[in-house]
Amino acid sequence: MSAPLKSYEFRREREASWRELEGLVGAAEKSGLKSLPADQLLRLPSLYRAALSSLSVARSISLDQNVVSYLESLCARAYFQVYGSRSNFFEGIRRFFAYSFPAAVREALWPVLIAAAWMILGSLVGFLLVQHSAEWYGSFVPVDLAGGRDPASSTESLREVLYRPGDTAESLYLFATYLFTHNSKIGLISFALGFALGVPTVLLMFYNGLVLGAFLALYDDRGLVWELAAWLSVHGTTELLAIVLCGGGGLVLARAIIFPDQYSRLDSLARRGRAAGTLVMGAVVMLFVAGLLEGFVRQLVTDVSTRYTIGGTMLAFWLIYFALAGRGRHYGDD
């Protein structure tokens, strides 16, 4: 049989299915897959596989190059309809917060709990050391972070910081921006240091706890720890949780390096690094929320009970969100 005759017979036997696939792909490209009836959606994968088979045969027996080129183009277009991503930007954002972020938090539960444990331990150590000797305060709290608050400060000056009225909207905006930038740096460093087997990440969690414990001990000595806790709770329940999540992400990376399981360390990093990155991206959003709470709400709300209510509500919201959002789904399912 001559080559032209082989090409003719090959096309005659299969061209109807190619044209059907081409029509479905064209309709999907024009109006989206949702525009296709259910029976046509079911036909699309089988027609695509048949076209791939035809392309393979056409190449192996060296058929007319026009046939091969047509099938290559058709299969490429069909591939993107069958396997390609069909979500737009806003759909991706919705999936991130509805499924990916909370699922990543749940799957990194133990690393997150370990990071939280080190921060709590640091807080206890910082509190007890400063309570025992005020000289420890300067060792834990940098001057720029202390903001003039130290053991030599009067009780009235320490109380004034907690109840200082809000400034203008512009200054509050700048303050919130500074806080978000500062806290994001801490969180991202905690995450990035996970590559060093997690040791610097653990130390940074512990150090953050030392600073918090030192502040609590300073105000406890003046009988203001209840008011300080209310002042911190407005943003702290969101901010500290976000930083702990970043630390947990760093420990996920460390675990991938130390315990790669059956994979190579690079493959283990690639697999677990995506989930850790999702964890940190969500934590950065939380830090943005914390910056707004700290820059605006905390400065404008001075009632202790209201501050506790805001802080407690935010903590309950995050815990319920992580526990229930996308429940039953694992990271990567979407």
C-alpha atoms as a PDB file:
ATOM      1  CA  MET A   1       0.000   0.000   0.000  1.00  0.00           C
ATOM      2  CA  SER A   2       1.447   3.419  -0.961  1.00  0.00           C
ATOM      3  CA  ALA A   3       2.072   6.137   1.636  1.00  0.00           C
ATOM      4  CA  PRO A   4      -0.712   8.435   0.313  1.00  0.00           C
ATOM      5  CA  LEU A   5      -3.182   5.553   0.471  1.00  0.00           C
ATOM      6  CA  LYS A   6      -2.078   4.669   4.033  1.00  0.00           C
ATOM      7  CA  SER A   7      -2.649   8.275   5.104  1.00  0.00           C
ATOM      8  CA  TYR A   8      -6.070   8.356   3.462  1.00  0.00           C
ATOM      9  CA  GLU A   9      -7.245   5.115   5.090  1.00  0.00           C
ATOM     10  CA  PHE A  10      -5.805   6.184   8.467  1.00  0.00           C
ATOM     11  CA  ARG A  11      -7.668   9.489   8.366  1.00  0.00           C
ATOM     12  CA  ARG A  12     -10.895   8.004   7.036  1.00  0.00           C
ATOM     13  CA  GLU A  13     -11.141   5.540   9.932  1.00  0.00           C
ATOM     14  CA  ARG A  14     -10.399   8.070  12.694  1.00  0.00           C
ATOM     15  CA  GLU A  15     -11.209  11.530  11.409  1.00  0.00           C
ATOM     16  CA  ALA A  16     -14.736  11.574  12.842  1.00  0.00           C
ATOM     17  CA  SER A  17     -13.436  11.231  16.422  1.00  0.00           C
ATOM     18  CA  TRP A  18     -10.770  13.898  15.764  1.00  0.00           C
ATOM     19  CA  ARG A  19     -13.407  16.317  14.523  1.00  0.00           C
ATOM     20  CA  GLU A  20     -15.586  15.570  17.526  1.00  0.00           C
ATOM     21  CA  LEU A  21     -12.665  16.237  19.880  1.00  0.00           C
ATOM     22  CA  GLU A  22     -11.812  19.421  18.001  1.00  0.00           C
ATOM     23  CA  GLY A  23     -15.399  20.635  18.398  1.00  0.00           C
ATOM     24  CA  LEU A  24     -15.447  19.933  22.141  1.00  0.00           C
ATOM     25  CA  VAL A  25     -12.078  21.614  22.668  1.00  0.00           C
ATOM     26  CA  GLY A  26     -13.151  24.634  20.652  1.00  0.00           C
ATOM     27  CA  ALA A  27     -16.351  24.989  22.682  1.00  0.00           C
ATOM     28  CA  ALA A  28     -14.422  24.652  25.952  1.00  0.00           C
ATOM     29  CA  GLU A  29     -11.871  27.252  24.846  1.00  0.00           C
ATOM     30  CA  LYS A  30     -14.633  29.659  23.901  1.00  0.00           C
ATOM     31  CA  SER A  31     -17.071  29.284  26.788  1.00  0.00           C
ATOM     32  CA  GLY A  32     -15.287  27.107  29.373  1.00  0.00           C
ATOM     33  CA  LEU A  33     -15.724  23.476  30.323  1.00  0.00           C
ATOM     34  CA  LYS A  34     -18.814  24.302  32.373  1.00  0.00           C
ATOM     35  CA  SER A  35     -20.626  25.089  29.133  1.00  0.00           C
ATOM     36  CA  LEU A  36     -20.367  21.454  27.968  1.00  0.00           C
ATOM     37  CA  PRO A  37     -23.152  18.975  28.779  1.00  0.00           C
ATOM     38  CA  ALA A  38     -22.303  16.100  31.112  1.00  0.00           C
ATOM     39  CA  ASP A  39     -22.169  13.502  28.317  1.00  0.00           C
ATOM     40  CA  GLN A  40     -19.684  15.601  26.347  1.00  0.00           C
ATOM     41  CA  LEU A  41     -17.516  16.110  29.438  1.00  0.00           C
ATOM     42  CA  LEU A  42     -17.362  12.346  29.840  1.00  0.00           C
ATOM     43  CA  ARG A  43     -16.443  11.932  26.181  1.00  0.00           C
ATOM     44  CA  LEU A  44     -13.598  14.463  26.279  1.00  0.00           C
ATOM     45  CA  PRO A  45     -10.958  12.322  28.107  1.00  0.00           C
ATOM     46  CA  SER A  46     -11.627   9.234  25.976  1.00  0.00           C
ATOM     47  CA  LEU A  47     -11.448  11.218  22.736  1.00  0.00           C
ATOM     48  CA  TYR A  48      -8.218  12.816  23.958  1.00  0.00           C
ATOM     49  CA  ARG A  49      -6.647   9.413  24.657  1.00  0.00           C
ATOM     50  CA  ALA A  50      -7.766   8.132  21.250  1.00  0.00           C
ATOM     51  CA  ALA A  51      -6.171  11.158  19.576  1.00  0.00           C
ATOM     52  CA  LEU A  52      -2.938  10.517  21.475  1.00  0.00           C
ATOM     53  CA  SER A  53      -2.976   6.919  20.257  1.00  0.00           C
ATOM     54  CA  SER A  54      -3.536   8.100  16.684  1.00  0.00           C
ATOM     55  CA  LEU A  55      -0.642  10.534  17.006  1.00  0.00           C
ATOM     56  CA  SER A  56       1.650   7.782  18.266  1.00  0.00           C
ATOM     57  CA  VAL A  57       0.734   5.524  15.338  1.00  0.00           C
ATOM     58  CA  ALA A  58       1.050   8.343  12.840  1.00  0.00           C
ATOM     59  CA  ARG A  59       4.571   9.088  14.018  1.00  0.00           C
ATOM     60  CA  SER A  60       5.640   5.437  14.066  1.00  0.00           C
ATOM     61  CA  ILE A  61       4.591   4.693  10.483  1.00  0.00           C
ATOM     62  CA  SER A  62       5.710   8.073   9.112  1.00  0.00           C
ATOM     63  CA  LEU A  63       2.356   9.246   7.826  1.00  0.00           C
ATOM     64  CA  ASP A  64       1.738  12.504   6.027  1.00  0.00           C
ATOM     65  CA  GLN A  65       3.374  15.329   8.000  1.00  0.00           C
ATOM     66  CA  ASN A  66       0.183  17.386   7.743  1.00  0.00           C
ATOM     67  CA  VAL A  67      -1.700  14.672   9.657  1.00  0.00           C
ATOM     68  CA  VAL A  68       1.002  14.506  12.316  1.00  0.00           C
ATOM     69  CA  SER A  69       1.048  18.309  12.738  1.00  0.00           C
ATOM     70  CA  TYR A  70      -2.738  18.451  12.983  1.00  0.00           C
ATOM     71  CA  LEU A  71      -2.815  15.758  15.668  1.00  0.00           C
ATOM     72  CA  GLU A  72       0.013  17.384  17.640  1.00  0.00           C
ATOM     73  CA  SER A  73      -1.870  20.673  17.720  1.00  0.00           C
ATOM     74  CA  LEU A  74      -5.160  18.996  18.604  1.00  0.00           C
ATOM     75  CA  CYS A  75      -3.631  16.905  21.409  1.00  0.00           C
ATOM     76  CA  ALA A  76      -1.867  19.935  22.877  1.00  0.00           C
ATOM     77  CA  ARG A  77      -5.120  21.925  22.973  1.00  0.00           C
ATOM     78  CA  ALA A  78      -7.023  18.988  24.433  1.00  0.00           C
ATOM     79  CA  TYR A  79      -4.350  18.416  27.094  1.00  0.00           C
ATOM     80  CA  PHE A  80      -4.912  21.859  28.605  1.00  0.00           C
ATOM     81  CA  GLN A  81      -8.651  21.230  28.779  1.00  0.00           C
ATOM     82  CA  VAL A  82      -8.300  17.785  30.354  1.00  0.00           C
ATOM     83  CA  TYR A  83      -5.368  18.414  32.729  1.00  0.00           C
ATOM     84  CA  GLY A  84      -4.761  22.151  32.734  1.00  0.00           C
ATOM     85  CA  SER A  85      -5.622  24.497  35.603  1.00  0.00           C
ATOM     86  CA  ARG A  86      -9.072  25.957  35.138  1.00  0.00           C
ATOM     87  CA  SER A  87      -9.199  28.288  38.134  1.00  0.00           C
ATOM     88  CA  ASN A  88      -8.738  32.024  37.863  1.00  0.00           C
ATOM     89  CA  PHE A  89      -6.876  34.252  40.310  1.00  0.00           C
ATOM     90  CA  PHE A  90      -9.820  34.764  42.650  1.00  0.00           C
ATOM     91  CA  GLU A  91     -10.645  31.063  42.603  1.00  0.00           C
ATOM     92  CA  GLY A  92      -7.046  30.338  43.580  1.00  0.00           C
ATOM     93  CA  ILE A  93      -7.294  32.771  46.503  1.00  0.00           C
ATOM     94  CA  ARG A  94     -10.537  31.157  47.617  1.00  0.00           C
ATOM     95  CA  ARG A  95      -9.018  27.669  47.499  1.00  0.00           C
ATOM     96  CA  PHE A  96      -5.954  28.840  49.396  1.00  0.00           C
ATOM     97  CA  PHE A  97      -7.949  30.078  52.378  1.00  0.00           C
ATOM     98  CA  ALA A  98     -10.722  27.484  52.147  1.00  0.00           C
ATOM     99  CA  TYR A  99      -8.525  24.379  51.827  1.00  0.00           C
ATOM    100  CA  SER A 100      -4.777  24.744  51.327  1.00  0.00           C
ATOM    101  CA  PHE A 101      -3.790  26.966  54.266  1.00  0.00           C
ATOM    102  CA  PRO A 102      -5.796  25.243  57.043  1.00  0.00           C
ATOM    103  CA  ALA A 103      -4.869  21.807  55.646  1.00  0.00           C
ATOM    104  CA  ALA A 104      -1.176  22.766  55.688  1.00  0.00           C
ATOM    105  CA  VAL A 105      -1.518  23.887  59.318  1.00  0.00           C
ATOM    106  CA  ARG A 106      -3.181  20.623  60.344  1.00  0.00           C
ATOM    107  CA  GLU A 107      -0.565  18.497  58.592  1.00  0.00           C
ATOM    108  CA  ALA A 108       2.226  20.473  60.288  1.00  0.00           C
ATOM    109  CA  LEU A 109       0.570  20.192  63.703  1.00  0.00           C
ATOM    110  CA  TRP A 110       3.514  18.626  65.541  1.00  0.00           C
ATOM    111  CA  PRO A 111       6.179  21.040  64.192  1.00  0.00           C
ATOM    112  CA  VAL A 112       3.860  23.944  65.067  1.00  0.00           C
ATOM    113  CA  LEU A 113       3.313  22.593  68.590  1.00  0.00           C
ATOM    114  CA  ILE A 114       7.067  22.155  69.045  1.00  0.00           C
ATOM    115  CA  ALA A 115       7.672  25.762  67.961  1.00  0.00           C
ATOM    116  CA  ALA A 116       4.951  26.929  70.363  1.00  0.00           C
ATOM    117  CA  ALA A 117       6.454  24.876  73.196  1.00  0.00           C
ATOM    118  CA  TRP A 118       9.847  26.534  72.747  1.00  0.00           C
ATOM    119  CA  MET A 119       8.270  29.995  72.770  1.00  0.00           C
ATOM    120  CA  ILE A 120       6.290  29.169  75.924  1.00  0.00           C
ATOM    121  CA  LEU A 121       9.412  27.771  77.568  1.00  0.00           C
ATOM    122  CA  GLY A 122      11.300  30.957  76.692  1.00  0.00           C
ATOM    123  CA  SER A 123       8.495  33.045  78.195  1.00  0.00           C
ATOM    124  CA  LEU A 124       8.631  31.102  81.460  1.00  0.00           C
ATOM    125  CA  VAL A 125      12.421  31.356  81.656  1.00  0.00           C
ATOM    126  CA  GLY A 126      12.390  35.070  80.840  1.00  0.00           C
ATOM    127  CA  PHE A 127       9.667  35.762  83.368  1.00  0.00           C
ATOM    128  CA  LEU A 128      11.370  33.859  86.195  1.00  0.00           C
ATOM    129  CA  LEU A 129      14.842  35.294  85.538  1.00  0.00           C
ATOM    130  CA  VAL A 130      13.663  38.919  85.385  1.00  0.00           C
ATOM    131  CA  GLN A 131      11.447  38.354  88.395  1.00  0.00           C
ATOM    132  CA  HIS A 132      14.478  37.055  90.262  1.00  0.00           C
ATOM    133  CA  SER A 133      16.814  39.823  89.089  1.00  0.00           C
ATOM    134  CA  ALA A 134      15.839  42.910  87.074  1.00  0.00           C
ATOM    135  CA  GLU A 135      19.332  42.961  85.542  1.00  0.00           C
ATOM    136  CA  TRP A 136      18.270  40.171  83.182  1.00  0.00           C
ATOM    137  CA  TYR A 137      15.758  42.521  81.535  1.00  0.00           C
ATOM    138  CA  GLY A 138      18.403  44.413  79.587  1.00  0.00           C
ATOM    139  CA  SER A 139      19.929  41.150  78.391  1.00  0.00           C
ATOM    140  CA  PHE A 140      16.683  40.011  76.792  1.00  0.00           C
ATOM    141  CA  VAL A 141      14.977  43.187  75.554  1.00  0.00           C
ATOM    142  CA  PRO A 142      16.821  45.387  73.005  1.00  0.00           C
ATOM    143  CA  VAL A 143      16.718  49.124  73.616  1.00  0.00           C
ATOM    144  CA  ASP A 144      14.758  49.890  70.429  1.00  0.00           C
ATOM    145  CA  LEU A 145      12.151  47.271  71.302  1.00  0.00           C
ATOM    146  CA  ALA A 146      11.887  48.361  74.935  1.00  0.00           C
ATOM    147  CA  GLY A 147      10.764  51.848  73.873  1.00  0.00           C
ATOM    148  CA  GLY A 148      12.008  53.381  77.106  1.00  0.00           C
ATOM    149  CA  ARG A 149      10.317  50.751  79.266  1.00  0.00           C
ATOM    150  CA  ASP A 150      12.762  49.237  81.713  1.00  0.00           C
ATOM    151  CA  PRO A 151      13.044  48.497  85.461  1.00  0.00           C
ATOM    152  CA  ALA A 152      13.946  52.141  86.091  1.00  0.00           C
ATOM    153  CA  SER A 153      10.638  53.367  84.610  1.00  0.00           C
ATOM    154  CA  SER A 154       7.979  54.616  86.960  1.00  0.00           C
ATOM    155  CA  THR A 155       4.724  52.728  87.373  1.00  0.00           C
ATOM    156  CA  GLU A 156       2.801  55.675  85.937  1.00  0.00           C
ATOM    157  CA  SER A 157       4.931  55.795  82.789  1.00  0.00           C
ATOM    158  CA  LEU A 158       4.449  52.062  82.245  1.00  0.00           C
ATOM    159  CA  ARG A 159       0.696  52.448  82.705  1.00  0.00           C
ATOM    160  CA  GLU A 160       0.604  55.420  80.342  1.00  0.00           C
ATOM    161  CA  VAL A 161       1.909  53.249  77.487  1.00  0.00           C
ATOM    162  CA  LEU A 162      -1.026  50.854  77.951  1.00  0.00           C
ATOM    163  CA  TYR A 163      -3.673  53.574  77.817  1.00  0.00           C
ATOM    164  CA  ARG A 164      -2.112  56.111  75.464  1.00  0.00           C
ATOM    165  CA  PRO A 165      -4.875  57.416  73.149  1.00  0.00           C
ATOM    166  CA  GLY A 166      -4.638  56.862  69.412  1.00  0.00           C
ATOM    167  CA  ASP A 167      -2.919  59.384  67.157  1.00  0.00           C
ATOM    168  CA  THR A 168      -4.047  60.593  63.730  1.00  0.00           C
ATOM    169  CA  ALA A 169      -5.161  58.111  61.077  1.00  0.00           C
ATOM    170  CA  GLU A 170      -1.984  58.756  59.072  1.00  0.00           C
ATOM    171  CA  SER A 171       0.347  58.000  61.991  1.00  0.00           C
ATOM    172  CA  LEU A 172      -1.650  54.864  62.847  1.00  0.00           C
ATOM    173  CA  TYR A 173      -1.347  53.699  59.230  1.00  0.00           C
ATOM    174  CA  LEU A 174       2.434  54.200  59.299  1.00  0.00           C
ATOM    175  CA  PHE A 175       2.659  52.418  62.636  1.00  0.00           C
ATOM    176  CA  ALA A 176       0.647  49.449  61.338  1.00  0.00           C
ATOM    177  CA  THR A 177       2.858  49.256  58.225  1.00  0.00           C
ATOM    178  CA  TYR A 178       6.016  49.255  60.351  1.00  0.00           C
ATOM    179  CA  LEU A 179       4.658  46.524  62.619  1.00  0.00           C
ATOM    180  CA  PHE A 180       3.661  44.315  59.686  1.00  0.00           C
ATOM    181  CA  THR A 181       7.095  44.700  58.072  1.00  0.00           C
ATOM    182  CA  HIS A 182       8.939  44.011  61.326  1.00  0.00           C
ATOM    183  CA  ASN A 183       6.877  40.966  62.268  1.00  0.00           C
ATOM    184  CA  SER A 184       7.026  39.557  58.741  1.00  0.00           C
ATOM    185  CA  LYS A 185      10.819  39.691  58.845  1.00  0.00           C
ATOM    186  CA  ILE A 186      10.843  37.741  62.098  1.00  0.00           C
ATOM    187  CA  GLY A 187       8.436  35.151  60.708  1.00  0.00           C
ATOM    188  CA  LEU A 188      10.282  34.691  57.407  1.00  0.00           C
ATOM    189  CA  ILE A 189      13.653  34.419  59.162  1.00  0.00           C
ATOM    190  CA  SER A 190      12.185  31.765  61.465  1.00  0.00           C
ATOM    191  CA  PHE A 191      11.041  29.857  58.411  1.00  0.00           C
ATOM    192  CA  ALA A 192      14.230  30.271  56.379  1.00  0.00           C
ATOM    193  CA  LEU A 193      16.461  29.152  59.253  1.00  0.00           C
ATOM    194  CA  GLY A 194      14.788  25.762  59.102  1.00  0.00           C
ATOM    195  CA  PHE A 195      17.331  24.833  56.432  1.00  0.00           C
ATOM    196  CA  ALA A 196      19.991  24.854  59.171  1.00  0.00           C
ATOM    197  CA  LEU A 197      18.414  21.696  60.639  1.00  0.00           C
ATOM    198  CA  GLY A 198      15.933  23.816  62.605  1.00  0.00           C
ATOM    199  CA  VAL A 199      18.333  24.750  65.405  1.00  0.00           C
ATOM    200  CA  PRO A 200      18.289  28.535  64.717  1.00  0.00           C
ATOM    201  CA  THR A 201      14.497  28.380  64.332  1.00  0.00           C
ATOM    202  CA  VAL A 202      14.127  26.821  67.774  1.00  0.00           C
ATOM    203  CA  LEU A 203      16.511  29.375  69.275  1.00  0.00           C
ATOM    204  CA  LEU A 204      14.579  32.252  67.692  1.00  0.00           C
ATOM    205  CA  MET A 205      11.295  30.891  69.073  1.00  0.00           C
ATOM    206  CA  PHE A 206      12.928  30.621  72.504  1.00  0.00           C
ATOM    207  CA  TYR A 207      14.341  34.160  72.275  1.00  0.00           C
ATOM    208  CA  ASN A 208      10.958  35.634  71.302  1.00  0.00           C
ATOM    209  CA  GLY A 209       9.590  33.930  74.385  1.00  0.00           C
ATOM    210  CA  LEU A 210      12.344  35.449  76.535  1.00  0.00           C
ATOM    211  CA  VAL A 211      11.386  38.952  75.385  1.00  0.00           C
ATOM    212  CA  LEU A 212       7.707  38.334  76.104  1.00  0.00           C
ATOM    213  CA  GLY A 213       8.461  36.852  79.528  1.00  0.00           C
ATOM    214  CA  ALA A 214      10.706  39.799  80.410  1.00  0.00           C
ATOM    215  CA  PHE A 215       7.923  42.287  79.610  1.00  0.00           C
ATOM    216  CA  LEU A 216       5.419  40.300  81.650  1.00  0.00           C
ATOM    217  CA  ALA A 217       7.779  40.189  84.638  1.00  0.00           C
ATOM    218  CA  LEU A 218       8.418  43.961  84.436  1.00  0.00           C
ATOM    219  CA  TYR A 219       4.727  44.781  84.509  1.00  0.00           C
ATOM    220  CA  ASP A 220       3.952  42.080  87.067  1.00  0.00           C
ATOM    221  CA  ASP A 221       6.394  43.769  89.450  1.00  0.00           C
ATOM    222  CA  ARG A 222       4.242  46.929  89.215  1.00  0.00           C
ATOM    223  CA  GLY A 223       0.916  45.131  89.499  1.00  0.00           C
ATOM    224  CA  LEU A 224       0.055  45.836  85.857  1.00  0.00           C
ATOM    225  CA  VAL A 225       0.386  42.384  84.326  1.00  0.00           C
ATOM    226  CA  TRP A 226      -3.405  42.014  83.898  1.00  0.00           C
ATOM    227  CA  GLU A 227      -3.578  45.287  81.955  1.00  0.00           C
ATOM    228  CA  LEU A 228      -0.481  44.358  79.914  1.00  0.00           C
ATOM    229  CA  ALA A 229      -1.978  40.999  78.956  1.00  0.00           C
ATOM    230  CA  ALA A 230      -5.135  42.775  77.753  1.00  0.00           C
ATOM    231  CA  TRP A 231      -3.027  45.268  75.770  1.00  0.00           C
ATOM    232  CA  LEU A 232      -1.084  42.423  74.158  1.00  0.00           C
ATOM    233  CA  SER A 233      -4.078  40.173  73.521  1.00  0.00           C
ATOM    234  CA  VAL A 234      -5.639  42.508  70.951  1.00  0.00           C
ATOM    235  CA  HIS A 235      -2.958  41.714  68.396  1.00  0.00           C
ATOM    236  CA  GLY A 236      -0.848  39.118  70.207  1.00  0.00           C
ATOM    237  CA  THR A 237      -3.206  36.179  69.778  1.00  0.00           C
ATOM    238  CA  THR A 238      -2.907  36.637  66.000  1.00  0.00           C
ATOM    239  CA  GLU A 239       0.702  37.808  65.863  1.00  0.00           C
ATOM    240  CA  LEU A 240       2.245  35.181  68.140  1.00  0.00           C
ATOM    241  CA  LEU A 241       0.250  32.413  66.474  1.00  0.00           C
ATOM    242  CA  ALA A 242       1.494  33.568  63.063  1.00  0.00           C
ATOM    243  CA  ILE A 243       5.113  33.618  64.229  1.00  0.00           C
ATOM    244  CA  VAL A 244       4.683  30.134  65.707  1.00  0.00           C
ATOM    245  CA  LEU A 245       3.320  28.954  62.337  1.00  0.00           C
ATOM    246  CA  CYS A 246       6.421  30.366  60.626  1.00  0.00           C
ATOM    247  CA  GLY A 247       8.586  28.533  63.146  1.00  0.00           C
ATOM    248  CA  GLY A 248       6.585  25.372  62.478  1.00  0.00           C
ATOM    249  CA  GLY A 249       7.214  25.841  58.753  1.00  0.00           C
ATOM    250  CA  GLY A 250      10.937  26.061  59.450  1.00  0.00           C
ATOM    251  CA  LEU A 251      10.787  22.836  61.439  1.00  0.00           C
ATOM    252  CA  VAL A 252       8.947  21.160  58.546  1.00  0.00           C
ATOM    253  CA  LEU A 253      11.952  21.986  56.358  1.00  0.00           C
ATOM    254  CA  ALA A 254      14.313  20.690  59.026  1.00  0.00           C
ATOM    255  CA  ARG A 255      12.347  17.463  59.264  1.00  0.00           C
ATOM    256  CA  ALA A 256      12.530  17.015  55.484  1.00  0.00           C
ATOM    257  CA  ILE A 257      16.330  17.226  55.662  1.00  0.00           C
ATOM    258  CA  ILE A 258      16.856  15.114  58.781  1.00  0.00           C
ATOM    259  CA  PHE A 259      14.187  12.494  58.048  1.00  0.00           C
ATOM    260  CA  PRO A 260      13.735  12.317  54.259  1.00  0.00           C
ATOM    261  CA  ASP A 261      12.025   8.900  54.507  1.00  0.00           C
ATOM    262  CA  GLN A 262      12.342   6.941  51.253  1.00  0.00           C
ATOM    263  CA  TYR A 263      13.117  10.066  49.212  1.00  0.00           C
ATOM    264  CA  SER A 264      16.353  11.874  48.577  1.00  0.00           C
ATOM    265  CA  ARG A 265      16.781  14.994  50.696  1.00  0.00           C
ATOM    266  CA  LEU A 266      16.145  17.259  47.709  1.00  0.00           C
ATOM    267  CA  ASP A 267      12.962  15.387  46.810  1.00  0.00           C
ATOM    268  CA  SER A 268      11.852  15.436  50.443  1.00  0.00           C
ATOM    269  CA  LEU A 269      12.439  19.199  50.585  1.00  0.00           C
ATOM    270  CA  ALA A 270      10.470  19.678  47.387  1.00  0.00           C
ATOM    271  CA  ARG A 271       7.515  17.655  48.683  1.00  0.00           C
ATOM    272  CA  ARG A 272       7.353  19.153  52.163  1.00  0.00           C
ATOM    273  CA  GLY A 273       8.622  22.582  51.152  1.00  0.00           C
ATOM    274  CA  ARG A 274       5.430  23.363  49.229  1.00  0.00           C
ATOM    275  CA  ALA A 275       3.274  22.715  52.282  1.00  0.00           C
ATOM    276  CA  ALA A 276       5.684  24.693  54.479  1.00  0.00           C
ATOM    277  CA  GLY A 277       5.587  27.581  52.012  1.00  0.00           C
ATOM    278  CA  THR A 278       1.794  27.561  52.098  1.00  0.00           C
ATOM    279  CA  LEU A 279       1.959  27.662  55.882  1.00  0.00           C
ATOM    280  CA  VAL A 280       4.194  30.720  55.831  1.00  0.00           C
ATOM    281  CA  MET A 281       2.183  32.565  53.158  1.00  0.00           C
ATOM    282  CA  GLY A 282      -0.904  32.198  55.308  1.00  0.00           C
ATOM    283  CA  ALA A 283       1.048  33.316  58.373  1.00  0.00           C
ATOM    284  CA  VAL A 284       2.138  36.486  56.555  1.00  0.00           C
ATOM    285  CA  VAL A 285      -1.529  37.303  55.937  1.00  0.00           C
ATOM    286  CA  MET A 286      -2.134  36.772  59.650  1.00  0.00           C
ATOM    287  CA  LEU A 287       0.721  39.151  60.437  1.00  0.00           C
ATOM    288  CA  PHE A 288      -0.913  41.744  58.208  1.00  0.00           C
ATOM    289  CA  VAL A 289      -4.121  41.353  60.216  1.00  0.00           C
ATOM    290  CA  ALA A 290      -2.102  41.594  63.451  1.00  0.00           C
ATOM    291  CA  GLY A 291      -0.451  44.780  62.202  1.00  0.00           C
ATOM    292  CA  LEU A 292      -3.847  46.363  61.622  1.00  0.00           C
ATOM    293  CA  LEU A 293      -5.069  45.259  65.038  1.00  0.00           C
ATOM    294  CA  GLU A 294      -1.920  46.562  66.715  1.00  0.00           C
ATOM    295  CA  GLY A 295      -1.699  49.783  64.738  1.00  0.00           C
ATOM    296  CA  PHE A 296      -5.363  50.762  64.882  1.00  0.00           C
ATOM    297  CA  VAL A 297      -7.588  48.764  67.231  1.00  0.00           C
ATOM    298  CA  ARG A 298      -5.154  48.485  70.135  1.00  0.00           C
ATOM    299  CA  GLN A 299      -4.426  52.212  69.989  1.00  0.00           C
ATOM    300  CA  LEU A 300      -8.088  53.205  69.832  1.00  0.00           C
ATOM    301  CA  VAL A 301      -9.592  50.728  72.330  1.00  0.00           C
ATOM    302  CA  THR A 302      -8.492  51.344  75.925  1.00  0.00           C
ATOM    303  CA  ASP A 303     -11.060  49.349  77.913  1.00  0.00           C
ATOM    304  CA  VAL A 304      -9.448  46.231  79.428  1.00  0.00           C
ATOM    305  CA  SER A 305     -12.509  43.996  79.051  1.00  0.00           C
ATOM    306  CA  THR A 306     -12.995  45.014  75.437  1.00  0.00           C
ATOM    307  CA  ARG A 307      -9.349  44.302  74.687  1.00  0.00           C
ATOM    308  CA  TYR A 308      -9.646  40.817  76.167  1.00  0.00           C
ATOM    309  CA  THR A 309     -12.841  40.248  74.187  1.00  0.00           C
ATOM    310  CA  ILE A 310     -11.141  41.217  70.925  1.00  0.00           C
ATOM    311  CA  GLY A 311      -8.079  39.095  71.640  1.00  0.00           C
ATOM    312  CA  GLY A 312     -10.104  36.091  72.749  1.00  0.00           C
ATOM    313  CA  THR A 313     -12.398  36.350  69.741  1.00  0.00           C
ATOM    314  CA  MET A 314      -9.443  36.419  67.345  1.00  0.00           C
ATOM    315  CA  LEU A 315      -7.832  33.411  69.025  1.00  0.00           C
ATOM    316  CA  ALA A 316     -11.088  31.438  68.910  1.00  0.00           C
ATOM    317  CA  PHE A 317     -11.562  32.386  65.258  1.00  0.00           C
ATOM    318  CA  TRP A 318      -8.118  31.149  64.198  1.00  0.00           C
ATOM    319  CA  LEU A 319      -8.366  27.905  66.164  1.00  0.00           C
ATOM    320  CA  ILE A 320     -11.822  27.087  64.784  1.00  0.00           C
ATOM    321  CA  TYR A 321     -10.703  28.039  61.286  1.00  0.00           C
ATOM    322  CA  PHE A 322      -7.658  25.764  61.399  1.00  0.00           C
ATOM    323  CA  ALA A 323      -9.660  22.903  62.890  1.00  0.00           C
ATOM    324  CA  LEU A 324     -12.710  23.019  60.633  1.00  0.00           C
ATOM    325  CA  ALA A 325     -11.949  24.811  57.345  1.00  0.00           C
ATOM    326  CA  GLY A 326     -11.619  22.240  54.579  1.00  0.00           C
ATOM    327  CA  ARG A 327     -11.973  19.473  57.133  1.00  0.00           C
ATOM    328  CA  GLY A 328     -11.505  16.015  55.679  1.00  0.00           C
ATOM    329  CA  ARG A 329      -9.214  17.293  52.942  1.00  0.00           C
ATOM    330  CA  HIS A 330      -5.441  16.970  52.886  1.00  0.00           C
ATOM    331  CA  TYR A 331      -2.915  19.440  51.596  1.00  0.00           C
ATOM    332  CA  GLY A 332      -2.673  19.108  47.823  1.00  0.00           C
ATOM    333  CA  ASP A 333      -6.148  17.626  47.351  1.00  0.00           C
ATOM    334  CA  ASP A 334      -7.265  20.781  45.570  1.00  0.00           C
END
